[in-house]
C-alpha atoms as a PDB file:
ATOM      1  CA  MET A   1      93.646 146.506  50.599  1.00  0.00           C
ATOM      2  CA  LEU A   2      93.140 144.648  53.908  1.00  0.00           C
ATOM      3  CA  ARG A   3      91.869 141.614  51.976  1.00  0.00           C
ATOM      4  CA  GLN A   4      95.063 141.525  49.962  1.00  0.00           C
ATOM      5  CA  ILE A   5      97.161 141.641  53.105  1.00  0.00           C
ATOM      6  CA  ILE A   6      95.409 138.701  54.709  1.00  0.00           C
ATOM      7  CA  GLY A   7      95.326 136.729  51.455  1.00  0.00           C
ATOM      8  CA  GLN A   8      91.706 136.957  50.331  1.00  0.00           C
ATOM      9  CA  SER A   9      90.993 137.237  46.658  1.00  0.00           C
ATOM     10  CA  GLU A  10      88.728 139.681  44.863  1.00  0.00           C
ATOM     11  CA  ALA A  11      86.302 136.808  44.278  1.00  0.00           C
ATOM     12  CA  ASN A  12      85.311 136.807  47.941  1.00  0.00           C
ATOM     13  CA  LYS A  13      84.103 140.420  47.734  1.00  0.00           C
ATOM     14  CA  GLN A  14      80.525 139.198  47.544  1.00  0.00           C
ATOM     15  CA  ASP A  15      80.218 138.582  51.268  1.00  0.00           C
ATOM     16  CA  LYS A  16      78.318 141.384  52.896  1.00  0.00           C
ATOM     17  CA  ARG A  17      80.602 142.173  55.761  1.00  0.00           C
ATOM     18  CA  VAL A  18      81.600 145.729  56.363  1.00  0.00           C
ATOM     19  CA  GLU A  19      85.202 146.352  57.242  1.00  0.00           C
ATOM     20  CA  ALA A  20      86.411 149.257  59.279  1.00  0.00           C
ATOM     21  CA  PRO A  21      88.908 151.489  57.544  1.00  0.00           C
ATOM     22  CA  VAL A  22      92.513 150.958  58.473  1.00  0.00           C
ATOM     23  CA  PRO A  23      94.033 154.121  59.959  1.00  0.00           C
ATOM     24  CA  GLU A  24      97.212 155.450  58.472  1.00  0.00           C
ATOM     25  CA  ARG A  25     100.368 154.817  60.387  1.00  0.00           C
ATOM     26  CA  VAL A  26     101.640 157.817  62.241  1.00  0.00           C
ATOM     27  CA  PRO A  27     105.288 157.794  63.254  1.00  0.00           C
ATOM     28  CA  ILE A  28     105.828 157.914  66.998  1.00  0.00           C
ATOM     29  CA  LEU A  29     108.259 160.566  68.016  1.00  0.00           C
ATOM     30  CA  SER A  30     110.482 159.691  70.914  1.00  0.00           C
ATOM     31  CA  PRO A  31     111.960 162.339  73.156  1.00  0.00           C
ATOM     32  CA  ALA A  32     115.587 163.261  72.753  1.00  0.00           C
ATOM     33  CA  PRO A  33     117.820 160.867  74.662  1.00  0.00           C
ATOM     34  CA  ALA A  34     118.583 162.190  78.129  1.00  0.00           C
ATOM     35  CA  ALA A  35     121.967 162.028  79.714  1.00  0.00           C
ATOM     36  CA  ALA A  36     122.456 158.535  81.082  1.00  0.00           C
ATOM     37  CA  ALA A  37     122.026 158.505  84.842  1.00  0.00           C
ATOM     38  CA  PRO A  38     124.250 156.147  86.782  1.00  0.00           C
ATOM     39  CA  PRO A  39     122.396 153.024  87.945  1.00  0.00           C
ATOM     40  CA  GLN A  40     121.317 153.063  91.556  1.00  0.00           C
ATOM     41  CA  ARG A  41     122.885 150.415  93.763  1.00  0.00           C
ATOM     42  CA  VAL A  42     120.848 148.455  96.249  1.00  0.00           C
ATOM     43  CA  GLN A  43     122.416 148.270  99.678  1.00  0.00           C
ATOM     44  CA  PRO A  44     123.317 144.640 100.481  1.00  0.00           C
ATOM     45  CA  ALA A  45     122.398 145.088 104.151  1.00  0.00           C
ATOM     46  CA  SER A  46     118.770 145.772 103.238  1.00  0.00           C
ATOM     47  CA  ILE A  47     118.611 142.581 101.211  1.00  0.00           C
ATOM     48  CA  MET A  48     120.194 140.443 103.936  1.00  0.00           C
ATOM     49  CA  THR A  49     117.841 141.555 106.695  1.00  0.00           C
ATOM     50  CA  SER A  50     114.708 140.194 105.052  1.00  0.00           C
ATOM     51  CA  SER A  51     116.066 136.941 103.661  1.00  0.00           C
ATOM     52  CA  LYS A  52     117.280 133.676 105.085  1.00  0.00           C
ATOM     53  CA  ASN A  53     120.739 132.424 104.272  1.00  0.00           C
ATOM     54  CA  VAL A  54     120.983 128.779 103.231  1.00  0.00           C
ATOM     55  CA  LEU A  55     123.817 126.254 103.311  1.00  0.00           C
ATOM     56  CA  SER A  56     122.495 123.424 101.142  1.00  0.00           C
ATOM     57  CA  ASN A  57     123.008 119.692 101.644  1.00  0.00           C
ATOM     58  CA  ASP A  58     126.127 119.511  99.458  1.00  0.00           C
ATOM     59  CA  VAL A  59     128.031 121.990 101.679  1.00  0.00           C
ATOM     60  CA  GLU A  60     130.609 120.711 104.174  1.00  0.00           C
ATOM     61  CA  ILE A  61     132.400 123.136 106.502  1.00  0.00           C
ATOM     62  CA  LYS A  62     135.165 122.494 109.021  1.00  0.00           C
ATOM     63  CA  GLY A  63     135.491 125.450 111.348  1.00  0.00           C
ATOM     64  CA  SER A  64     133.381 128.066 113.090  1.00  0.00           C
ATOM     65  CA  ILE A  65     130.398 129.791 111.516  1.00  0.00           C
ATOM     66  CA  ARG A  66     129.195 133.203 112.667  1.00  0.00           C
ATOM     67  CA  PHE A  67     126.119 134.945 111.315  1.00  0.00           C
ATOM     68  CA  SER A  68     123.802 137.680 112.489  1.00  0.00           C
ATOM     69  CA  HIS A  69     120.372 137.016 110.939  1.00  0.00           C
ATOM     70  CA  ASP A  70     118.635 133.770 109.968  1.00  0.00           C
ATOM     71  CA  LEU A  71     120.487 130.717 108.672  1.00  0.00           C
ATOM     72  CA  ILE A  72     119.255 127.377 107.376  1.00  0.00           C
ATOM     73  CA  ILE A  73     121.853 124.605 107.400  1.00  0.00           C
ATOM     74  CA  ASP A  74     121.163 121.429 105.449  1.00  0.00           C
ATOM     75  CA  GLY A  75     124.802 120.345 105.040  1.00  0.00           C
ATOM     76  CA  LYS A  76     127.566 119.143 107.354  1.00  0.00           C
ATOM     77  CA  ILE A  77     129.301 121.410 109.850  1.00  0.00           C
ATOM     78  CA  ASP A  78     132.250 120.315 111.985  1.00  0.00           C
ATOM     79  CA  GLY A  79     132.763 123.217 114.362  1.00  0.00           C
ATOM     80  CA  GLU A  80     131.023 125.955 116.338  1.00  0.00           C
ATOM     81  CA  VAL A  81     127.900 127.765 115.143  1.00  0.00           C
ATOM     82  CA  ILE A  82     127.516 131.152 116.847  1.00  0.00           C
ATOM     83  CA  SER A  83     124.903 133.836 116.238  1.00  0.00           C
ATOM     84  CA  ASP A  84     122.482 136.308 117.729  1.00  0.00           C
ATOM     85  CA  GLY A  85     120.025 135.216 115.029  1.00  0.00           C
ATOM     86  CA  SER A  86     117.875 132.176 114.373  1.00  0.00           C
ATOM     87  CA  LEU A  87     119.217 128.813 113.173  1.00  0.00           C
ATOM     88  CA  THR A  88     117.299 126.066 111.390  1.00  0.00           C
ATOM     89  CA  VAL A  89     119.020 122.688 111.150  1.00  0.00           C
ATOM     90  CA  GLY A  90     117.557 120.927 108.100  1.00  0.00           C
ATOM     91  CA  GLU A  91     116.622 117.245 107.747  1.00  0.00           C
ATOM     92  CA  ASN A  92     119.879 116.361 105.960  1.00  0.00           C
ATOM     93  CA  ALA A  93     122.087 118.402 108.284  1.00  0.00           C
ATOM     94  CA  LEU A  94     124.748 117.125 110.651  1.00  0.00           C
ATOM     95  CA  ILE A  95     126.380 119.547 113.066  1.00  0.00           C
ATOM     96  CA  LYS A  96     129.291 118.300 115.188  1.00  0.00           C
ATOM     97  CA  GLY A  97     130.070 121.065 117.637  1.00  0.00           C
ATOM     98  CA  GLU A  98     128.649 123.726 119.930  1.00  0.00           C
ATOM     99  CA  VAL A  99     125.598 125.719 118.855  1.00  0.00           C
ATOM    100  CA  LYS A 100     125.105 129.138 120.474  1.00  0.00           C
ATOM    101  CA  THR A 101     122.260 131.166 118.966  1.00  0.00           C
ATOM    102  CA  ARG A 102     119.201 133.195 119.881  1.00  0.00           C
ATOM    103  CA  SER A 103     116.851 130.374 118.776  1.00  0.00           C
ATOM    104  CA  VAL A 104     117.132 127.036 116.988  1.00  0.00           C
ATOM    105  CA  ILE A 105     114.793 124.608 115.219  1.00  0.00           C
ATOM    106  CA  ILE A 106     116.278 121.148 114.634  1.00  0.00           C
ATOM    107  CA  PHE A 107     115.020 118.753 111.976  1.00  0.00           C
ATOM    108  CA  GLY A 108     118.368 116.941 111.490  1.00  0.00           C
ATOM    109  CA  LYS A 109     121.204 115.776 113.743  1.00  0.00           C
ATOM    110  CA  VAL A 110     123.339 117.733 116.209  1.00  0.00           C
ATOM    111  CA  GLU A 111     126.227 116.222 118.157  1.00  0.00           C
ATOM    112  CA  GLY A 112     127.187 118.883 120.662  1.00  0.00           C
ATOM    113  CA  ASN A 113     125.792 121.207 123.295  1.00  0.00           C
ATOM    114  CA  ILE A 114     123.133 123.770 122.389  1.00  0.00           C
ATOM    115  CA  THR A 115     122.863 127.110 124.127  1.00  0.00           C
ATOM    116  CA  VAL A 116     119.990 129.364 123.027  1.00  0.00           C
ATOM    117  CA  ALA A 117     118.687 132.582 124.515  1.00  0.00           C
ATOM    118  CA  GLU A 118     115.061 132.034 123.574  1.00  0.00           C
ATOM    119  CA  ARG A 119     113.554 128.863 122.099  1.00  0.00           C
ATOM    120  CA  CYS A 120     114.891 125.444 121.141  1.00  0.00           C
ATOM    121  CA  GLU A 121     112.638 123.128 119.121  1.00  0.00           C
ATOM    122  CA  LEU A 122     113.369 119.478 118.380  1.00  0.00           C
ATOM    123  CA  LYS A 123     111.144 118.291 115.535  1.00  0.00           C
ATOM    124  CA  SER A 124     109.969 114.692 115.149  1.00  0.00           C
ATOM    125  CA  ASN A 125     113.005 113.457 113.145  1.00  0.00           C
ATOM    126  CA  ALA A 126     115.587 115.427 115.154  1.00  0.00           C
ATOM    127  CA  ILE A 127     118.498 113.737 116.898  1.00  0.00           C
ATOM    128  CA  LEU A 128     120.403 115.660 119.567  1.00  0.00           C
ATOM    129  CA  VAL A 129     123.326 114.164 121.442  1.00  0.00           C
ATOM    130  CA  GLY A 130     124.360 116.881 123.873  1.00  0.00           C
ATOM    131  CA  ASP A 131     123.081 119.238 126.536  1.00  0.00           C
ATOM    132  CA  ILE A 132     120.587 122.070 126.104  1.00  0.00           C
ATOM    133  CA  ALA A 133     120.387 125.413 127.906  1.00  0.00           C
ATOM    134  CA  ALA A 134     117.389 127.408 126.678  1.00  0.00           C
ATOM    135  CA  GLY A 135     114.681 129.837 127.716  1.00  0.00           C
ATOM    136  CA  THR A 136     112.020 127.450 126.379  1.00  0.00           C
ATOM    137  CA  LEU A 137     112.249 123.930 124.987  1.00  0.00           C
ATOM    138  CA  ALA A 138     109.800 122.076 122.725  1.00  0.00           C
ATOM    139  CA  ILE A 139     110.334 118.417 121.856  1.00  0.00           C
ATOM    140  CA  GLU A 140     108.005 116.729 119.372  1.00  0.00           C
ATOM    141  CA  GLU A 141     107.070 113.077 119.629  1.00  0.00           C
ATOM    142  CA  GLY A 142     109.627 110.966 117.785  1.00  0.00           C
ATOM    143  CA  ALA A 143     112.607 113.249 118.446  1.00  0.00           C
ATOM    144  CA  THR A 144     115.718 111.746 120.043  1.00  0.00           C
ATOM    145  CA  PHE A 145     117.422 113.704 122.823  1.00  0.00           C
ATOM    146  CA  MET A 146     120.344 112.252 124.782  1.00  0.00           C
ATOM    147  CA  GLY A 147     121.685 114.747 127.277  1.00  0.00           C
ATOM    148  CA  GLN A 148     120.669 117.134 130.014  1.00  0.00           C
ATOM    149  CA  SER A 149     118.517 120.227 129.727  1.00  0.00           C
ATOM    150  CA  GLN A 150     118.388 123.477 131.653  1.00  0.00           C
ATOM    151  CA  VAL A 151     115.265 125.428 130.769  1.00  0.00           C
ATOM    152  CA  GLY A 152     113.768 128.626 132.122  1.00  0.00           C
ATOM    153  CA  ARG A 153     114.751 132.116 133.214  1.00  0.00           C
ATOM    154  CA  LYS A 154     118.061 131.065 134.797  1.00  0.00           C
ATOM    155  CA  ALA A 155     119.091 129.370 131.558  1.00  0.00           C
ATOM    156  CA  ASP A 156     117.893 132.394 129.575  1.00  0.00           C
ATOM    157  CA  ALA A 157     120.052 134.800 131.633  1.00  0.00           C
ATOM    158  CA  LYS A 158     123.069 132.477 131.396  1.00  0.00           C
ATOM    159  CA  VAL A 159     122.683 132.128 127.636  1.00  0.00           C
ATOM    160  CA  SER A 160     122.172 135.850 127.074  1.00  0.00           C
ATOM    161  CA  ALA A 161     125.355 136.574 128.999  1.00  0.00           C
ATOM    162  CA  SER A 162     127.345 134.041 126.952  1.00  0.00           C
ATOM    163  CA  LEU A 163     126.033 135.498 123.676  1.00  0.00           C
ATOM    164  CA  ASN A 164     126.393 139.112 124.877  1.00  0.00           C
ATOM    165  CA  LEU A 165     122.659 139.641 124.359  1.00  0.00           C
ATOM    166  CA  SER A 166     120.384 141.672 126.550  1.00  0.00           C
ATOM    167  CA  PRO A 167     117.604 139.500 128.043  1.00  0.00           C
ATOM    168  CA  LYS A 168     114.042 140.283 127.018  1.00  0.00           C
ATOM    169  CA  PRO A 169     111.889 142.011 129.663  1.00  0.00           C
END
């Protein structure tokens, strides 16, 4: 019977292979359908805490932006950026306005003053035209910075007060 299913003729019976018997099909019984339980909803706050928010390079915003976790900006912002989270300014980004965050990493261009509670990093292609007040400052070779900087504990306390953050011990 198996030979007929796979298309072999009776003439090929002469080969000396032994075939295992095909077991009979047994119907599978499924359990009775249970009452449909409502789907469980995932809390949006739990999703937002572990992910980074992104404004891609085709986004242009005029006005203030406020966020509380991590944000990556690769578009154009004309206005204030305020947060107690971390900001990454992408290579294609242009921010014209004040930046007040816990920490910032700049790959693109910022035209405005930066005030961060912890760390400010200017990467090699970064352009910053404005002043910096930060707890720590790192500037890579090739970055352009035109302005004044205030770095250290005094800047950290000043920034924390302006962001309503408690300084780290």
